[in-house]
């Protein structure tokens, strides 16, 4: 068969059985319209090799268990003619799609492999699907991160256009070695994120602190229902009592998000995907998490790992709210129940103590 397994040793990582890529000779890549994709574990892309559809490096469950099953089946399918021809391409594919926090681990986990392979093949190009390289839309953070990562690197990018067929002489598909939120094996990825963050300097801000609001997701009709019911009341108290800035992060580019997070002494946020922004925080700053009753028990541990990398002080405020169960409310994901803060006065008092540093006095 015209493919070969490339084993790659990932430092400080568990799951050695996952640590490999597959190089396919003369593979066909087609960036599919997501409306045409019927199986959710393989989003947006089809790879055909020697007349058979490839699963390796695309199917999420196979990657998690490290199984080296190459093809969906042995059935031969018709291979459409190629519109374009490329030489050596590493496909930077993201199973997570629009999920902000999962994307970091998907993208940088694959970039780790890519950098290792570049040492032996400096002509290796980086391929990305057109849907994940957009200036606008929900996925625009993917392009912004990729541009930040590549800005000081001499790497050629191949954009796979939608519904076009690309014949690739050597196509590399990677098997992810870490899946968020697993407890171990994330260190190499967090280090890569931090290297990109370190390129970006802070900016001048006038306030001592800021709150990362979730009102932006509500305005945009975001897919989850994890709304903080009295968030607007809390926001008014933060502005009036503490003079804090209110940040709606979806209004900013990735570079601006990093700059803002680096620039405040105190950053307050709820348990959410934006908690990975703790990686951007300045050393000795205070990252304050209002712990969601459902998400906090599993996400707070990841926040501790993020703060360890950035050296930001982490303050996890538990028992600050409760889950709300509206009549006829249904959701399969219990992380997405709405909730409410139960004692805003007491919370503002605690934040005052953090703001003036009196909370550290014994």
Protein backbone atom coordinates (compact mmCIF):
# COMPACT_ATOMS: atom_id res chain seq x y z
CA UNK A 1 0.00 0.00 0.00
CA UNK A 2 1.20 3.51 -0.80
CA UNK A 3 1.08 4.91 2.72
CA UNK A 4 3.38 4.78 5.71
CA UNK A 5 3.03 5.39 9.45
CA UNK A 6 5.27 8.10 10.94
CA UNK A 7 5.74 7.63 14.68
CA UNK A 8 6.49 10.86 16.54
CA UNK A 9 7.57 10.94 20.18
CA UNK A 10 5.74 13.74 21.99
CA UNK A 11 7.62 14.95 25.05
CA UNK A 12 5.86 14.91 28.43
CA UNK A 13 2.80 13.28 26.93
CA UNK A 14 0.74 10.24 27.75
CA UNK A 15 -0.97 7.92 25.25
CA UNK A 16 2.04 6.82 23.21
CA UNK A 17 -0.27 4.77 20.99
CA UNK A 18 -1.77 8.01 19.65
CA UNK A 19 1.50 9.65 18.64
CA UNK A 20 1.76 9.18 14.91
CA UNK A 21 0.91 10.58 11.49
CA UNK A 22 0.14 8.81 8.20
CA UNK A 23 1.71 9.83 4.91
CA UNK A 24 -0.47 8.99 1.88
CA UNK A 25 0.98 8.88 -1.63
CA UNK A 26 -1.22 10.46 -4.30
CA UNK A 27 -4.29 11.15 -2.18
CA UNK A 28 -7.30 13.19 -3.26
CA UNK A 29 -8.60 15.87 -0.86
CA UNK A 30 -12.04 17.47 -1.21
CA UNK A 31 -13.28 20.20 1.11
CA UNK A 32 -16.97 19.31 1.42
CA UNK A 33 -19.84 21.66 2.09
CA UNK A 34 -20.79 20.90 5.73
CA UNK A 35 -24.42 20.59 4.66
CA UNK A 36 -23.44 17.50 2.69
CA UNK A 37 -21.65 15.77 5.57
CA UNK A 38 -23.92 13.25 7.29
CA UNK A 39 -21.49 11.85 9.88
CA UNK A 40 -20.50 14.46 12.50
CA UNK A 41 -17.17 12.93 13.49
CA UNK A 42 -15.74 13.82 10.06
CA UNK A 43 -16.57 17.43 9.34
CA UNK A 44 -16.04 19.23 6.06
CA UNK A 45 -13.45 17.01 4.37
CA UNK A 46 -13.15 13.81 2.36
CA UNK A 47 -9.86 12.07 1.55
CA UNK A 48 -9.68 9.31 -1.07
CA UNK A 49 -6.63 7.10 -1.44
CA UNK A 50 -6.32 4.31 -3.99
CA UNK A 51 -10.08 4.40 -4.52
CA UNK A 52 -10.98 4.07 -0.82
CA UNK A 53 -12.20 6.68 1.63
CA UNK A 54 -9.74 7.47 4.43
CA UNK A 55 -10.69 7.53 8.12
CA UNK A 56 -7.24 7.79 9.71
CA UNK A 57 -6.56 11.29 11.02
CA UNK A 58 -10.15 12.39 10.44
CA UNK A 59 -12.36 10.21 12.62
CA UNK A 60 -12.39 11.54 16.19
CA UNK A 61 -13.10 8.26 17.99
CA UNK A 62 -10.36 6.40 16.13
CA UNK A 63 -7.87 9.08 17.12
CA UNK A 64 -8.87 8.94 20.76
CA UNK A 65 -8.22 5.21 21.07
CA UNK A 66 -5.18 5.31 18.81
CA UNK A 67 -6.52 2.65 16.45
CA UNK A 68 -4.67 2.50 13.15
CA UNK A 69 -7.62 1.81 10.89
CA UNK A 70 -6.81 3.50 7.60
CA UNK A 71 -9.98 3.22 5.52
CA UNK A 72 -13.72 3.42 6.17
CA UNK A 73 -14.10 0.21 4.18
CA UNK A 74 -12.44 -1.76 1.41
CA UNK A 75 -15.16 -0.68 -1.03
CA UNK A 76 -13.74 1.03 -4.11
CA UNK A 77 -15.41 4.35 -4.93
CA UNK A 78 -15.20 6.52 -8.00
CA UNK A 79 -12.45 9.11 -7.66
CA UNK A 80 -13.38 12.45 -9.25
CA UNK A 81 -10.82 14.25 -11.44
CA UNK A 82 -8.44 16.67 -9.72
CA UNK A 83 -8.83 20.41 -10.11
CA UNK A 84 -5.43 21.18 -8.57
CA UNK A 85 -2.17 19.35 -7.84
CA UNK A 86 0.00 19.88 -4.76
CA UNK A 87 3.28 18.32 -3.61
CA UNK A 88 3.82 17.74 0.14
CA UNK A 89 0.98 18.94 2.40
CA UNK A 90 0.24 18.49 6.11
CA UNK A 91 -3.51 18.87 6.66
CA UNK A 92 -4.25 21.11 9.64
CA UNK A 93 -7.70 19.74 10.26
CA UNK A 94 -9.88 20.72 13.21
CA UNK A 95 -12.45 18.21 14.48
CA UNK A 96 -13.71 20.77 16.99
CA UNK A 97 -14.99 23.19 14.36
CA UNK A 98 -16.55 26.18 16.05
CA UNK A 99 -15.72 25.27 19.66
CA UNK A 100 -13.30 27.92 20.94
CA UNK A 101 -11.51 26.02 23.68
CA UNK A 102 -11.30 22.65 21.90
CA UNK A 103 -9.85 24.39 18.84
CA UNK A 104 -6.67 25.38 20.70
CA UNK A 105 -5.87 21.78 21.50
CA UNK A 106 -6.81 20.51 18.05
CA UNK A 107 -4.80 23.11 16.15
CA UNK A 108 -1.67 23.29 18.26
CA UNK A 109 -1.57 19.52 18.79
CA UNK A 110 -1.32 19.13 15.02
CA UNK A 111 1.14 22.02 14.73
CA UNK A 112 3.41 20.14 17.13
CA UNK A 113 3.57 17.25 14.64
CA UNK A 114 4.01 19.67 11.75
CA UNK A 115 7.06 21.31 13.33
CA UNK A 116 8.62 17.91 13.99
CA UNK A 117 8.09 16.84 10.36
CA UNK A 118 9.48 20.14 9.07
CA UNK A 119 12.86 19.21 10.52
CA UNK A 120 13.12 16.40 7.96
CA UNK A 121 11.14 18.00 5.14
CA UNK A 122 11.51 21.80 5.05
CA UNK A 123 9.35 21.93 1.89
CA UNK A 124 6.29 20.57 3.69
CA UNK A 125 3.32 22.92 3.23
CA UNK A 126 0.54 23.53 5.72
CA UNK A 127 -2.95 22.85 4.38
CA UNK A 128 -6.13 24.31 5.85
CA UNK A 129 -9.75 24.10 4.75
CA UNK A 130 -11.29 27.29 3.37
CA UNK A 131 -14.07 27.17 6.00
CA UNK A 132 -11.45 27.46 8.75
CA UNK A 133 -9.59 30.35 7.12
CA UNK A 134 -12.19 33.12 7.04
CA UNK A 135 -11.96 36.82 7.94
CA UNK A 136 -15.56 36.86 9.21
CA UNK A 137 -17.92 34.45 10.92
CA UNK A 138 -17.76 32.10 13.90
CA UNK A 139 -14.55 30.46 12.73
CA UNK A 140 -12.57 33.66 12.16
CA UNK A 141 -10.56 33.06 15.36
CA UNK A 142 -9.04 30.02 13.61
CA UNK A 143 -7.57 32.15 10.83
CA UNK A 144 -6.42 34.81 13.30
CA UNK A 145 -4.60 32.23 15.43
CA UNK A 146 -3.02 30.60 12.42
CA UNK A 147 -1.80 33.96 11.12
CA UNK A 148 -0.26 34.78 14.52
CA UNK A 149 1.43 31.37 14.60
CA UNK A 150 2.85 31.74 11.08
CA UNK A 151 3.83 35.42 11.12
CA UNK A 152 7.53 34.79 11.83
CA UNK A 153 7.75 31.46 9.98
CA UNK A 154 8.63 30.85 6.34
CA UNK A 155 5.86 28.35 5.66
CA UNK A 156 3.71 28.04 2.55
CA UNK A 157 0.00 27.75 3.19
CA UNK A 158 -2.38 25.77 0.97
CA UNK A 159 -6.06 26.76 1.22
CA UNK A 160 -8.34 23.92 0.15
CA UNK A 161 -11.26 25.59 -1.63
CA UNK A 162 -14.75 24.23 -1.06
CA UNK A 163 -15.99 21.59 -3.53
CA UNK A 164 -12.65 21.49 -5.36
CA UNK A 165 -10.53 18.35 -5.66
CA UNK A 166 -6.82 18.40 -4.87
CA UNK A 167 -4.41 15.63 -5.84
CA UNK A 168 -1.64 15.66 -3.24
CA UNK A 169 1.55 13.72 -3.94
CA UNK A 170 2.32 13.35 -0.23
CA UNK A 171 -0.54 14.07 2.16
CA UNK A 172 0.10 13.87 5.92
CA UNK A 173 -2.84 13.26 8.26
CA UNK A 174 -2.16 13.41 11.99
CA UNK A 175 -3.56 11.44 14.91
CA UNK A 176 -4.11 13.85 17.81
CA UNK A 177 -2.20 12.92 20.97
CA UNK A 178 -4.41 14.92 23.37
CA UNK A 179 -8.15 15.55 23.59
CA UNK A 180 -9.54 18.28 25.82
CA UNK A 181 -10.42 18.01 28.71
CA UNK A 182 -8.26 14.94 29.44
CA UNK A 183 -6.28 15.31 32.64
CA UNK A 184 -2.81 14.57 31.26
CA UNK A 185 -0.76 15.17 28.14
CA UNK A 186 -1.57 18.80 27.36
CA UNK A 187 1.78 20.38 28.33
CA UNK A 188 3.38 20.52 24.83
CA UNK A 189 0.25 22.22 23.46
CA UNK A 190 0.05 24.83 26.20
CA UNK A 191 3.72 25.64 25.70
CA UNK A 192 3.11 26.23 21.98
CA UNK A 193 0.17 28.54 22.73
CA UNK A 194 2.31 30.46 25.22
CA UNK A 195 5.04 31.00 22.61
CA UNK A 196 2.55 32.71 20.34
CA UNK A 197 1.10 34.76 23.21
CA UNK A 198 4.58 35.94 24.22
CA UNK A 199 4.99 37.68 20.84
CA UNK A 200 2.23 40.15 21.69
CA UNK A 201 2.84 43.05 24.13
CA UNK A 202 0.20 44.44 26.53
CA UNK A 203 -1.52 47.78 25.96
CA UNK A 204 -2.35 50.68 28.26
CA UNK A 205 -5.68 50.41 30.06
CA UNK A 206 -7.25 52.89 32.46
CA UNK A 207 -9.10 50.53 34.77
CA UNK A 208 -7.67 48.20 37.39
CA UNK A 209 -9.86 45.35 36.17
CA UNK A 210 -12.29 44.01 33.62
CA UNK A 211 -15.12 41.51 33.36
CA UNK A 212 -15.48 39.19 30.36
CA UNK A 213 -19.19 39.39 29.65
CA UNK A 214 -21.19 36.62 27.97
CA UNK A 215 -23.74 39.07 26.58
CA UNK A 216 -21.98 38.88 23.21
CA UNK A 217 -22.93 35.21 22.81
CA UNK A 218 -26.56 36.00 23.66
CA UNK A 219 -26.68 38.83 21.10
CA UNK A 220 -25.37 36.49 18.40
CA UNK A 221 -27.76 33.66 19.19
CA UNK A 222 -25.00 31.31 20.33
CA UNK A 223 -25.70 27.60 20.38
CA UNK A 224 -25.79 27.07 24.16
CA UNK A 225 -28.27 28.22 26.82
CA UNK A 226 -25.76 28.69 29.65
CA UNK A 227 -26.91 32.23 30.40
CA UNK A 228 -26.24 33.99 33.69
CA UNK A 229 -29.73 35.33 34.34
CA UNK A 230 -28.71 38.33 36.44
CA UNK A 231 -25.50 39.12 34.55
CA UNK A 232 -26.70 42.60 33.53
CA UNK A 233 -27.27 43.51 37.19
CA UNK A 234 -23.79 42.22 38.05
CA UNK A 235 -22.27 44.20 35.18
CA UNK A 236 -23.85 47.46 36.44
CA UNK A 237 -22.45 46.85 39.92
CA UNK A 238 -18.97 46.20 38.52
CA UNK A 239 -19.06 49.44 36.55
CA UNK A 240 -20.57 51.59 39.30
CA UNK A 241 -18.88 50.11 42.40
CA UNK A 242 -15.46 49.13 41.02
CA UNK A 243 -15.13 51.16 37.83
CA UNK A 244 -14.28 48.00 35.90
CA UNK A 245 -14.36 47.71 32.14
CA UNK A 246 -16.76 45.28 30.47
CA UNK A 247 -15.30 43.21 27.62
CA UNK A 248 -17.37 41.37 25.02
CA UNK A 249 -14.56 39.30 23.54
CA UNK A 250 -16.38 38.34 20.34
CA UNK A 251 -16.00 41.99 19.29
CA UNK A 252 -12.19 41.68 19.28
CA UNK A 253 -9.59 39.93 17.16
CA UNK A 254 -7.43 37.24 18.73
CA UNK A 255 -4.52 39.66 18.95
CA UNK A 256 -6.71 42.21 20.73
CA UNK A 257 -8.03 39.54 23.11
CA UNK A 258 -4.47 38.65 24.06
CA UNK A 259 -3.50 42.30 24.50
CA UNK A 260 -6.50 43.06 26.69
CA UNK A 261 -6.10 39.97 28.87
CA UNK A 262 -2.40 40.79 29.36
CA UNK A 263 -3.11 44.37 30.34
CA UNK A 264 -5.46 44.23 33.34
CA UNK A 265 -4.47 43.48 36.91
CA UNK A 266 -7.80 41.72 37.56
CA UNK A 267 -9.81 39.74 35.00
CA UNK A 268 -13.19 38.31 36.06
CA UNK A 269 -15.06 35.70 34.03
CA UNK A 270 -17.56 32.88 34.36
CA UNK A 271 -16.77 29.21 33.81
CA UNK A 272 -16.73 28.98 30.02
CA UNK A 273 -14.60 28.25 26.98
CA UNK A 274 -13.05 31.70 27.40
CA UNK A 275 -11.25 30.40 30.51
CA UNK A 276 -8.40 29.38 28.21
CA UNK A 277 -7.72 33.13 28.00
CA UNK A 278 -6.02 32.68 31.39
CA UNK A 279 -3.05 31.55 29.27
CA UNK A 280 -2.82 35.14 27.98
CA UNK A 281 -2.80 36.78 31.42
CA UNK A 282 0.21 38.64 32.76
CA UNK A 283 2.33 37.14 35.55
CA UNK A 284 1.14 38.25 38.99
CA UNK A 285 -2.23 39.36 37.60
CA UNK A 286 -5.41 37.96 39.15
CA UNK A 287 -7.61 35.62 37.10
CA UNK A 288 -10.96 35.40 38.91
CA UNK A 289 -13.42 32.66 37.95
CA UNK A 290 -17.09 32.69 38.98
CA UNK A 291 -17.49 28.95 39.17
CA UNK A 292 -20.57 27.60 37.42
CA UNK A 293 -22.20 24.86 39.57
CA UNK A 294 -22.19 22.38 36.66
CA UNK A 295 -18.99 23.31 34.79
CA UNK A 296 -16.80 24.31 37.69
CA UNK A 297 -16.18 20.82 39.10
CA UNK A 298 -14.46 19.67 35.89
CA UNK A 299 -13.26 22.96 34.35
CA UNK A 300 -11.65 24.51 37.45
CA UNK A 301 -8.80 22.00 37.30
CA UNK A 302 -8.02 23.07 33.73
CA UNK A 303 -8.02 26.72 34.88
CA UNK A 304 -5.34 25.80 37.42
CA UNK A 305 -3.22 24.34 34.60
CA UNK A 306 -3.67 27.47 32.48
CA UNK A 307 -2.69 29.76 35.36
CA UNK A 308 0.40 27.64 36.08
CA UNK A 309 1.63 28.31 32.55
CA UNK A 310 0.88 32.05 32.55
CA UNK A 311 1.86 32.57 36.24
CA UNK A 312 -1.35 34.50 36.83
CA UNK A 313 -2.85 34.18 40.32
CA UNK A 314 -6.02 32.09 40.08
CA UNK A 315 -9.00 32.75 42.34
CA UNK A 316 -11.82 30.23 41.97
CA UNK A 317 -14.96 31.55 43.64
CA UNK A 318 -17.22 28.57 44.35
CA UNK A 319 -20.78 28.51 45.72
CA UNK A 320 -21.47 31.85 44.06
CA UNK A 321 -24.57 30.79 42.15
CA UNK A 322 -27.12 28.11 41.48
CA UNK A 323 -28.61 26.35 38.47
CA UNK A 324 -32.00 27.54 37.25
CA UNK A 325 -34.46 25.06 35.74
CA UNK A 326 -37.01 27.01 33.66
CA UNK A 327 -40.34 25.26 32.91
CA UNK A 328 -40.14 22.97 29.87
CA UNK A 329 -36.39 23.66 29.50
CA UNK A 330 -34.57 20.75 27.86
CA UNK A 331 -30.93 20.27 26.97
CA UNK A 332 -28.83 17.16 26.49
CA UNK A 333 -25.72 18.89 27.80
CA UNK A 334 -26.12 19.64 31.51
CA UNK A 335 -23.18 22.07 31.31
CA UNK A 336 -25.54 24.39 29.44
CA UNK A 337 -28.24 24.97 32.03
CA UNK A 338 -28.84 28.66 32.83
CA UNK A 339 -27.78 29.85 36.26
CA UNK A 340 -27.94 32.85 38.57
CA UNK A 341 -25.69 34.61 41.09
CA UNK A 342 -27.18 34.22 44.56
CA UNK A 343 -25.42 37.03 46.46
CA UNK A 344 -24.19 39.89 44.28
CA UNK A 345 -23.62 42.17 47.29
CA UNK A 346 -21.29 39.63 48.92
CA UNK A 347 -19.52 38.99 45.63
CA UNK A 348 -18.90 42.72 45.05
CA UNK A 349 -17.50 42.97 48.58
CA UNK A 350 -15.05 40.12 47.84
CA UNK A 351 -14.03 41.77 44.57
CA UNK A 352 -13.41 45.05 46.43
CA UNK A 353 -10.98 43.18 48.69
CA UNK A 354 -9.21 41.69 45.66
CA UNK A 355 -9.08 45.10 44.00
CA UNK A 356 -7.39 46.79 46.96
CA UNK A 357 -5.27 43.71 47.83
CA UNK A 358 -6.76 43.47 51.33
CA UNK A 359 -7.95 39.94 50.66
CA UNK A 360 -4.32 38.74 50.95
CA UNK A 361 -3.94 40.20 54.46
CA UNK A 362 -4.16 37.66 57.27
